[in-house]
PDB file of N, CA and C in Angstrom:
ATOM      1  N   UNK A   1      70.228  99.884  96.296  1.00  0.00           N
ATOM      2  CA  UNK A   1      70.359  98.458  96.377  1.00  0.00           C
ATOM      3  C   UNK A   1      71.777  98.135  96.841  1.00  0.00           C
ATOM      4  N   UNK A   2      71.872  97.257  97.809  1.00  0.00           N
ATOM      5  CA  UNK A   2      73.152  96.831  98.340  1.00  0.00           C
ATOM      6  C   UNK A   2      73.414  95.417  97.842  1.00  0.00           C
ATOM      7  N   UNK A   3      74.678  95.129  97.487  1.00  0.00           N
ATOM      8  CA  UNK A   3      75.053  93.791  97.030  1.00  0.00           C
ATOM      9  C   UNK A   3      76.206  93.273  97.888  1.00  0.00           C
ATOM     10  N   UNK A   4      76.270  91.960  98.009  1.00  0.00           N
ATOM     11  CA  UNK A   4      77.366  91.313  98.718  1.00  0.00           C
ATOM     12  C   UNK A   4      78.635  91.521  97.898  1.00  0.00           C
ATOM     13  N   UNK A   5      79.718  92.014  98.498  1.00  0.00           N
ATOM     14  CA  UNK A   5      80.947  92.223  97.730  1.00  0.00           C
ATOM     15  C   UNK A   5      81.606  90.922  97.282  1.00  0.00           C
ATOM     16  N   UNK A   6      81.257  89.795  97.897  1.00  0.00           N
ATOM     17  CA  UNK A   6      81.860  88.508  97.524  1.00  0.00           C
ATOM     18  C   UNK A   6      81.124  87.810  96.394  1.00  0.00           C
ATOM     19  N   UNK A   7      79.772  87.703  96.509  1.00  0.00           N
ATOM     20  CA  UNK A   7      79.018  86.932  95.510  1.00  0.00           C
ATOM     21  C   UNK A   7      78.109  87.789  94.634  1.00  0.00           C
ATOM     22  N   UNK A   8      77.860  89.040  95.016  1.00  0.00           N
ATOM     23  CA  UNK A   8      77.039  89.929  94.206  1.00  0.00           C
ATOM     24  C   UNK A   8      75.547  89.785  94.432  1.00  0.00           C
ATOM     25  N   UNK A   9      75.109  88.953  95.392  1.00  0.00           N
ATOM     26  CA  UNK A   9      73.676  88.792  95.652  1.00  0.00           C
ATOM     27  C   UNK A   9      73.102  90.087  96.223  1.00  0.00           C
ATOM     28  N   UNK A  10      71.855  90.385  95.852  1.00  0.00           N
ATOM     29  CA  UNK A  10      71.168  91.555  96.385  1.00  0.00           C
ATOM     30  C   UNK A  10      70.862  91.341  97.855  1.00  0.00           C
ATOM     31  N   UNK A  11      71.048  92.381  98.641  1.00  0.00           N
ATOM     32  CA  UNK A  11      70.778  92.326 100.071  1.00  0.00           C
ATOM     33  C   UNK A  11      69.678  93.314 100.414  1.00  0.00           C
ATOM     34  N   UNK A  12      68.907  92.987 101.425  1.00  0.00           N
ATOM     35  CA  UNK A  12      67.854  93.900 101.861  1.00  0.00           C
ATOM     36  C   UNK A  12      68.484  95.108 102.549  1.00  0.00           C
ATOM     37  N   UNK A  13      67.887  96.285 102.353  1.00  0.00           N
ATOM     38  CA  UNK A  13      68.415  97.504 102.963  1.00  0.00           C
ATOM     39  C   UNK A  13      68.412  97.422 104.488  1.00  0.00           C
ATOM     40  N   UNK A  14      67.398  96.774 105.045  1.00  0.00           N
ATOM     41  CA  UNK A  14      67.301  96.684 106.497  1.00  0.00           C
ATOM     42  C   UNK A  14      68.296  95.704 107.100  1.00  0.00           C
ATOM     43  N   UNK A  15      68.758  94.740 106.316  1.00  0.00           N
ATOM     44  CA  UNK A  15      69.685  93.729 106.813  1.00  0.00           C
ATOM     45  C   UNK A  15      70.796  93.536 105.780  1.00  0.00           C
ATOM     46  N   UNK A  16      71.779  94.439 105.732  1.00  0.00           N
ATOM     47  CA  UNK A  16      72.831  94.318 104.720  1.00  0.00           C
ATOM     48  C   UNK A  16      73.854  93.249 105.088  1.00  0.00           C
ATOM     49  N   UNK A  17      73.387  91.994 105.174  1.00  0.00           N
ATOM     50  CA  UNK A  17      74.264  90.887 105.522  1.00  0.00           C
ATOM     51  C   UNK A  17      73.932  89.707 104.609  1.00  0.00           C
ATOM     52  N   UNK A  18      74.937  89.141 103.954  1.00  0.00           N
ATOM     53  CA  UNK A  18      74.743  88.012 103.058  1.00  0.00           C
ATOM     54  C   UNK A  18      74.593  86.741 103.883  1.00  0.00           C
ATOM     55  N   UNK A  19      73.640  85.887 103.514  1.00  0.00           N
ATOM     56  CA  UNK A  19      73.422  84.633 104.226  1.00  0.00           C
ATOM     57  C   UNK A  19      74.646  83.724 104.113  1.00  0.00           C
ATOM     58  N   UNK A  20      75.383  83.804 103.022  1.00  0.00           N
ATOM     59  CA  UNK A  20      76.546  82.950 102.806  1.00  0.00           C
ATOM     60  C   UNK A  20      77.825  83.554 103.373  1.00  0.00           C
ATOM     61  N   UNK A  21      78.046  84.871 103.142  1.00  0.00           N
ATOM     62  CA  UNK A  21      79.315  85.502 103.480  1.00  0.00           C
ATOM     63  C   UNK A  21      79.271  86.398 104.717  1.00  0.00           C
ATOM     64  N   UNK A  22      78.108  86.623 105.275  1.00  0.00           N
ATOM     65  CA  UNK A  22      78.002  87.465 106.464  1.00  0.00           C
ATOM     66  C   UNK A  22      78.052  88.938 106.117  1.00  0.00           C
ATOM     67  N   UNK A  23      78.292  89.786 107.116  1.00  0.00           N
ATOM     68  CA  UNK A  23      78.314  91.234 106.869  1.00  0.00           C
ATOM     69  C   UNK A  23      79.530  91.629 106.040  1.00  0.00           C
ATOM     70  N   UNK A  24      79.421  92.728 105.316  1.00  0.00           N
ATOM     71  CA  UNK A  24      80.566  93.174 104.512  1.00  0.00           C
ATOM     72  C   UNK A  24      81.695  93.633 105.427  1.00  0.00           C
ATOM     73  N   UNK A  25      82.932  93.606 104.945  1.00  0.00           N
ATOM     74  CA  UNK A  25      84.044  94.075 105.764  1.00  0.00           C
ATOM     75  C   UNK A  25      83.907  95.567 106.025  1.00  0.00           C
ATOM     76  N   UNK A  26      84.457  96.053 107.133  1.00  0.00           N
ATOM     77  CA  UNK A  26      84.359  97.484 107.415  1.00  0.00           C
ATOM     78  C   UNK A  26      85.139  98.298 106.382  1.00  0.00           C
ATOM     79  N   UNK A  27      84.660  99.490 106.135  1.00  0.00           N
ATOM     80  CA  UNK A  27      85.336 100.377 105.186  1.00  0.00           C
ATOM     81  C   UNK A  27      86.682 100.793 105.766  1.00  0.00           C
ATOM     82  N   UNK A  28      87.701 100.967 104.916  1.00  0.00           N
ATOM     83  CA  UNK A  28      89.004 101.402 105.433  1.00  0.00           C
ATOM     84  C   UNK A  28      88.900 102.798 106.018  1.00  0.00           C
ATOM     85  N   UNK A  29      89.644 103.013 107.085  1.00  0.00           N
ATOM     86  CA  UNK A  29      89.612 104.321 107.732  1.00  0.00           C
ATOM     87  C   UNK A  29      90.435 105.308 106.926  1.00  0.00           C
ATOM     88  N   UNK A  30      89.909 106.501 106.797  1.00  0.00           N
ATOM     89  CA  UNK A  30      90.589 107.566 106.071  1.00  0.00           C
ATOM     90  C   UNK A  30      91.501 108.288 107.045  1.00  0.00           C
ATOM     91  N   UNK A  31      92.761 108.395 106.672  1.00  0.00           N
ATOM     92  CA  UNK A  31      93.711 109.117 107.518  1.00  0.00           C
ATOM     93  C   UNK A  31      94.100 110.414 106.827  1.00  0.00           C
ATOM     94  N   UNK A  32      94.745 111.279 107.540  1.00  0.00           N
ATOM     95  CA  UNK A  32      95.184 112.554 106.981  1.00  0.00           C
ATOM     96  C   UNK A  32      96.435 112.424 106.137  1.00  0.00           C
ATOM     97  N   UNK A  33      97.041 111.225 106.117  1.00  0.00           N
ATOM     98  CA  UNK A  33      98.269 111.041 105.362  1.00  0.00           C
ATOM     99  C   UNK A  33      97.985 111.030 103.862  1.00  0.00           C
ATOM    100  N   UNK A  34      98.861 111.636 103.121  1.00  0.00           N
ATOM    101  CA  UNK A  34      98.742 111.625 101.669  1.00  0.00           C
ATOM    102  C   UNK A  34      99.818 110.710 101.123  1.00  0.00           C
ATOM    103  N   UNK A  35      99.461 109.895 100.161  1.00  0.00           N
ATOM    104  CA  UNK A  35     100.440 109.013  99.548  1.00  0.00           C
ATOM    105  C   UNK A  35     101.176 109.765  98.454  1.00  0.00           C
ATOM    106  N   UNK A  36     102.367 109.300  98.155  1.00  0.00           N
ATOM    107  CA  UNK A  36     103.153 109.928  97.097  1.00  0.00           C
ATOM    108  C   UNK A  36     102.496 109.646  95.749  1.00  0.00           C
ATOM    109  N   UNK A  37     102.370 110.651  94.885  1.00  0.00           N
ATOM    110  CA  UNK A  37     101.743 110.424  93.582  1.00  0.00           C
ATOM    111  C   UNK A  37     102.648 109.580  92.689  1.00  0.00           C
ATOM    112  N   UNK A  38     102.022 108.866  91.775  1.00  0.00           N
ATOM    113  CA  UNK A  38     102.766 108.083  90.796  1.00  0.00           C
ATOM    114  C   UNK A  38     103.397 109.048  89.808  1.00  0.00           C
ATOM    115  N   UNK A  39     104.694 108.929  89.599  1.00  0.00           N
ATOM    116  CA  UNK A  39     105.405 109.806  88.670  1.00  0.00           C
ATOM    117  C   UNK A  39     105.591 109.070  87.351  1.00  0.00           C
ATOM    118  N   UNK A  40     105.092 109.676  86.282  1.00  0.00           N
ATOM    119  CA  UNK A  40     105.208 109.088  84.949  1.00  0.00           C
ATOM    120  C   UNK A  40     106.596 109.398  84.411  1.00  0.00           C
ATOM    121  N   UNK A  41     107.360 108.369  84.004  1.00  0.00           N
ATOM    122  CA  UNK A  41     108.681 108.644  83.447  1.00  0.00           C
ATOM    123  C   UNK A  41     108.568 109.314  82.077  1.00  0.00           C
ATOM    124  N   UNK A  42     109.532 110.141  81.767  1.00  0.00           N
ATOM    125  CA  UNK A  42     109.535 110.831  80.474  1.00  0.00           C
ATOM    126  C   UNK A  42     109.740 109.807  79.360  1.00  0.00           C
ATOM    127  N   UNK A  43     108.977 109.904  78.278  1.00  0.00           N
ATOM    128  CA  UNK A  43     109.136 108.956  77.175  1.00  0.00           C
ATOM    129  C   UNK A  43     110.436 109.198  76.418  1.00  0.00           C
ATOM    130  N   UNK A  44     110.924 108.181  75.750  1.00  0.00           N
ATOM    131  CA  UNK A  44     112.124 108.294  74.936  1.00  0.00           C
ATOM    132  C   UNK A  44     111.682 108.357  73.479  1.00  0.00           C
ATOM    133  N   UNK A  45     111.552 109.570  72.966  1.00  0.00           N
ATOM    134  CA  UNK A  45     111.117 109.788  71.588  1.00  0.00           C
ATOM    135  C   UNK A  45     112.286 110.381  70.812  1.00  0.00           C
ATOM    136  N   UNK A  46     112.822 109.625  69.888  1.00  0.00           N
ATOM    137  CA  UNK A  46     114.052 109.998  69.181  1.00  0.00           C
ATOM    138  C   UNK A  46     114.054 111.410  68.587  1.00  0.00           C
ATOM    139  N   UNK A  47     113.030 111.837  67.868  1.00  0.00           N
ATOM    140  CA  UNK A  47     113.140 113.168  67.245  1.00  0.00           C
ATOM    141  C   UNK A  47     112.851 114.336  68.196  1.00  0.00           C
ATOM    142  N   UNK A  48     112.600 114.069  69.494  1.00  0.00           N
ATOM    143  CA  UNK A  48     112.249 115.142  70.425  1.00  0.00           C
ATOM    144  C   UNK A  48     113.106 115.093  71.681  1.00  0.00           C
ATOM    145  N   UNK A  49     113.359 116.273  72.248  1.00  0.00           N
ATOM    146  CA  UNK A  49     113.988 116.400  73.558  1.00  0.00           C
ATOM    147  C   UNK A  49     112.874 116.738  74.537  1.00  0.00           C
ATOM    148  N   UNK A  50     112.665 115.889  75.517  1.00  0.00           N
ATOM    149  CA  UNK A  50     111.624 116.114  76.515  1.00  0.00           C
ATOM    150  C   UNK A  50     112.159 117.125  77.527  1.00  0.00           C
ATOM    151  N   UNK A  51     111.425 118.216  77.711  1.00  0.00           N
ATOM    152  CA  UNK A  51     111.864 119.291  78.609  1.00  0.00           C
ATOM    153  C   UNK A  51     111.367 119.084  80.036  1.00  0.00           C
ATOM    154  N   UNK A  52     110.028 118.899  80.191  1.00  0.00           N
ATOM    155  CA  UNK A  52     109.479 118.746  81.542  1.00  0.00           C
ATOM    156  C   UNK A  52     108.063 118.192  81.477  1.00  0.00           C
ATOM    157  N   UNK A  53     107.612 117.711  82.620  1.00  0.00           N
ATOM    158  CA  UNK A  53     106.245 117.219  82.759  1.00  0.00           C
ATOM    159  C   UNK A  53     105.332 118.417  83.005  1.00  0.00           C
ATOM    160  N   UNK A  54     104.309 118.577  82.181  1.00  0.00           N
ATOM    161  CA  UNK A  54     103.366 119.679  82.360  1.00  0.00           C
ATOM    162  C   UNK A  54     102.221 119.295  83.290  1.00  0.00           C
ATOM    163  N   UNK A  55     101.780 118.053  83.212  1.00  0.00           N
ATOM    164  CA  UNK A  55     100.689 117.609  84.068  1.00  0.00           C
ATOM    165  C   UNK A  55     100.366 116.155  83.795  1.00  0.00           C
ATOM    166  N   UNK A  56      99.642 115.553  84.755  1.00  0.00           N
ATOM    167  CA  UNK A  56      99.240 114.165  84.572  1.00  0.00           C
ATOM    168  C   UNK A  56      97.920 113.933  85.259  1.00  0.00           C
ATOM    169  N   UNK A  57      97.227 112.904  84.790  1.00  0.00           N
ATOM    170  CA  UNK A  57      95.942 112.544  85.361  1.00  0.00           C
ATOM    171  C   UNK A  57      95.803 111.037  85.390  1.00  0.00           C
ATOM    172  N   UNK A  58      94.582 110.579  85.516  1.00  0.00           N
ATOM    173  CA  UNK A  58      94.331 109.156  85.624  1.00  0.00           C
ATOM    174  C   UNK A  58      94.601 108.369  84.360  1.00  0.00           C
ATOM    175  N   UNK A  59      94.623 109.027  83.207  1.00  0.00           N
ATOM    176  CA  UNK A  59      94.764 108.295  81.949  1.00  0.00           C
ATOM    177  C   UNK A  59      95.985 108.684  81.137  1.00  0.00           C
ATOM    178  N   UNK A  60      96.826 109.567  81.645  1.00  0.00           N
ATOM    179  CA  UNK A  60      97.995 109.923  80.860  1.00  0.00           C
ATOM    180  C   UNK A  60      98.753 111.086  81.441  1.00  0.00           C
ATOM    181  N   UNK A  61      99.780 111.500  80.713  1.00  0.00           N
ATOM    182  CA  UNK A  61     100.635 112.612  81.132  1.00  0.00           C
ATOM    183  C   UNK A  61     100.954 113.465  79.903  1.00  0.00           C
ATOM    184  N   UNK A  62     101.220 114.751  80.150  1.00  0.00           N
ATOM    185  CA  UNK A  62     101.550 115.684  79.077  1.00  0.00           C
ATOM    186  C   UNK A  62     102.932 116.261  79.372  1.00  0.00           C
ATOM    187  N   UNK A  63     103.811 116.173  78.376  1.00  0.00           N
ATOM    188  CA  UNK A  63     105.182 116.663  78.523  1.00  0.00           C
ATOM    189  C   UNK A  63     105.425 117.806  77.555  1.00  0.00           C
ATOM    190  N   UNK A  64     106.287 118.733  77.955  1.00  0.00           N
ATOM    191  CA  UNK A  64     106.754 119.774  77.056  1.00  0.00           C
ATOM    192  C   UNK A  64     107.954 119.182  76.323  1.00  0.00           C
ATOM    193  N   UNK A  65     107.970 119.318  75.016  1.00  0.00           N
ATOM    194  CA  UNK A  65     109.062 118.751  74.218  1.00  0.00           C
ATOM    195  C   UNK A  65     109.416 119.723  73.098  1.00  0.00           C
ATOM    196  N   UNK A  66     110.630 119.568  72.591  1.00  0.00           N
ATOM    197  CA  UNK A  66     111.093 120.362  71.446  1.00  0.00           C
ATOM    198  C   UNK A  66     111.748 119.412  70.460  1.00  0.00           C
ATOM    199  N   UNK A  67     111.572 119.728  69.187  1.00  0.00           N
ATOM    200  CA  UNK A  67     112.187 118.888  68.155  1.00  0.00           C
ATOM    201  C   UNK A  67     113.710 118.980  68.307  1.00  0.00           C
ATOM    202  N   UNK A  68     114.351 117.826  68.327  1.00  0.00           N
ATOM    203  CA  UNK A  68     115.792 117.774  68.485  1.00  0.00           C
ATOM    204  C   UNK A  68     116.477 118.255  67.215  1.00  0.00           C
ATOM    205  N   UNK A  69     117.530 119.044  67.376  1.00  0.00           N
ATOM    206  CA  UNK A  69     118.303 119.523  66.240  1.00  0.00           C
ATOM    207  C   UNK A  69     119.582 118.721  66.173  1.00  0.00           C
ATOM    208  N   UNK A  70     119.749 117.970  65.090  1.00  0.00           N
ATOM    209  CA  UNK A  70     120.939 117.146  64.929  1.00  0.00           C
ATOM    210  C   UNK A  70     121.848 117.809  63.911  1.00  0.00           C
ATOM    211  N   UNK A  71     123.036 118.174  64.365  1.00  0.00           N
ATOM    212  CA  UNK A  71     123.976 118.860  63.467  1.00  0.00           C
ATOM    213  C   UNK A  71     125.062 117.953  63.027  1.00  0.00           C
TER     214      UNK A  71
END
């Protein structure tokens, strides 16, 4: 089932064009360029020294940390 991206009305498969909004916009062209990844800043956690970023994904980041020794 195809829907109009503007109003959400169901469109026929044979004619994917909304009577109100016309045909959907063309899909963006995929290029070979890669965008720079979003870099998560290291958190400031008082009892820990953040060593390095281990990995990140769509919902968070994992850092290597060690408990800070205060003398």
